[in-house]
Amino acid sequence: MTLVLSFVFLVFLARPALINTPEGFYLGLASFMSAMCHGYTFFISLINEWTPRFLMGVIPQIEIVALCLILIFLHRCKLIVLQRPV
């Protein structure tokens, strides 16, 4: 899932106006964090052997990605409504 979201990050780089909605914001954040996870794993594999201990630093980012996807789902189902101040 994070690999697909990493490619979505390229879409947000090309069209930054997509981030103006709440769903767009959460998707942009999830795609950015996914791209960071893959970039981190790639650069660690260049410097050292690819070992699972280095991936422990990515787990919090993957949890944030999952939370953002849950929030997108809740916004789509209208379970969360943002109220704007008047």
Protein backbone atom coordinates (compact mmCIF):
# COMPACT_ATOMS: atom_id res chain seq x y z
CA MET A 1 0.00 0.00 0.00
CA THR A 2 2.78 2.41 0.81
CA LEU A 3 4.39 1.83 -2.59
CA VAL A 4 1.19 2.91 -4.35
CA LEU A 5 0.89 5.95 -2.08
CA SER A 6 4.49 6.87 -2.88
CA PHE A 7 3.51 7.28 -6.52
CA VAL A 8 0.47 9.34 -5.48
CA PHE A 9 2.96 11.76 -3.91
CA LEU A 10 4.22 12.54 -7.42
CA VAL A 11 0.67 13.57 -8.36
CA PHE A 12 0.59 15.98 -5.42
CA LEU A 13 3.91 17.45 -6.55
CA ALA A 14 2.45 18.08 -10.01
CA ARG A 15 -0.92 19.38 -8.74
CA PRO A 16 -0.55 20.89 -5.24
CA ALA A 17 -4.09 22.32 -5.34
CA LEU A 18 -5.45 18.83 -4.64
CA ILE A 19 -4.41 19.21 -1.02
CA ASN A 20 -6.99 21.95 -0.29
CA THR A 21 -9.75 19.57 0.86
CA PRO A 22 -9.60 17.59 4.12
CA GLU A 23 -9.43 14.30 2.19
CA GLY A 24 -6.71 15.74 -0.02
CA PHE A 25 -4.75 16.89 3.00
CA TYR A 26 -4.84 13.44 4.61
CA LEU A 27 -4.02 11.72 1.32
CA GLY A 28 -1.15 14.15 0.74
CA LEU A 29 0.19 13.51 4.22
CA ALA A 30 -0.14 9.73 3.79
CA SER A 31 1.58 9.80 0.41
CA PHE A 32 4.40 12.00 1.72
CA MET A 33 4.99 9.69 4.70
CA SER A 34 4.92 6.66 2.37
CA ALA A 35 7.50 8.24 0.09
CA MET A 36 9.65 8.96 3.15
CA CYS A 37 9.42 5.31 4.24
CA HIS A 38 10.56 4.06 0.87
CA GLY A 39 13.28 6.69 0.56
CA TYR A 40 14.62 5.79 4.00
CA THR A 41 14.63 2.07 3.19
CA PHE A 42 16.33 2.71 -0.15
CA PHE A 43 19.12 4.86 1.29
CA ILE A 44 19.72 2.51 4.21
CA SER A 45 20.08 -0.37 1.74
CA LEU A 46 22.72 1.61 -0.16
CA ILE A 47 24.80 2.33 2.93
CA ASN A 48 24.54 -0.97 4.76
CA GLU A 49 23.15 -4.44 4.37
CA TRP A 50 19.41 -4.50 4.30
CA THR A 51 18.52 -5.60 7.79
CA PRO A 52 15.16 -5.54 9.57
CA ARG A 53 16.50 -3.58 12.54
CA PHE A 54 16.70 -0.43 10.44
CA LEU A 55 13.01 -0.71 9.57
CA MET A 56 12.00 -0.13 13.18
CA GLY A 57 12.28 3.61 12.49
CA VAL A 58 9.64 3.34 9.75
CA ILE A 59 6.92 1.73 11.87
CA PRO A 60 5.61 5.03 13.38
CA GLN A 61 5.40 6.53 9.90
CA ILE A 62 3.42 3.55 8.62
CA GLU A 63 1.05 3.94 11.57
CA ILE A 64 0.51 7.60 10.64
CA VAL A 65 -0.22 6.52 7.06
CA ALA A 66 -2.82 4.05 8.34
CA LEU A 67 -4.43 6.72 10.54
CA CYS A 68 -4.60 9.14 7.60
CA LEU A 69 -6.28 6.49 5.45
CA ILE A 70 -8.80 5.84 8.24
CA LEU A 71 -9.54 9.57 8.45
CA ILE A 72 -10.07 9.72 4.68
CA PHE A 73 -12.54 6.84 4.97
CA LEU A 74 -14.37 8.56 7.83
CA HIS A 75 -14.59 11.82 5.86
CA ARG A 76 -15.93 9.98 2.83
CA CYS A 77 -18.59 8.25 4.93
CA LYS A 78 -19.50 11.61 6.50
CA LEU A 79 -18.71 10.32 9.98
CA ILE A 80 -16.45 13.30 10.63
CA VAL A 81 -17.67 16.78 9.80
CA LEU A 82 -15.31 19.69 10.11
CA GLN A 83 -16.90 22.89 11.31
CA ARG A 84 -15.36 26.10 10.13
CA PRO A 85 -15.33 29.11 12.45
CA VAL A 86 -17.64 31.91 11.41
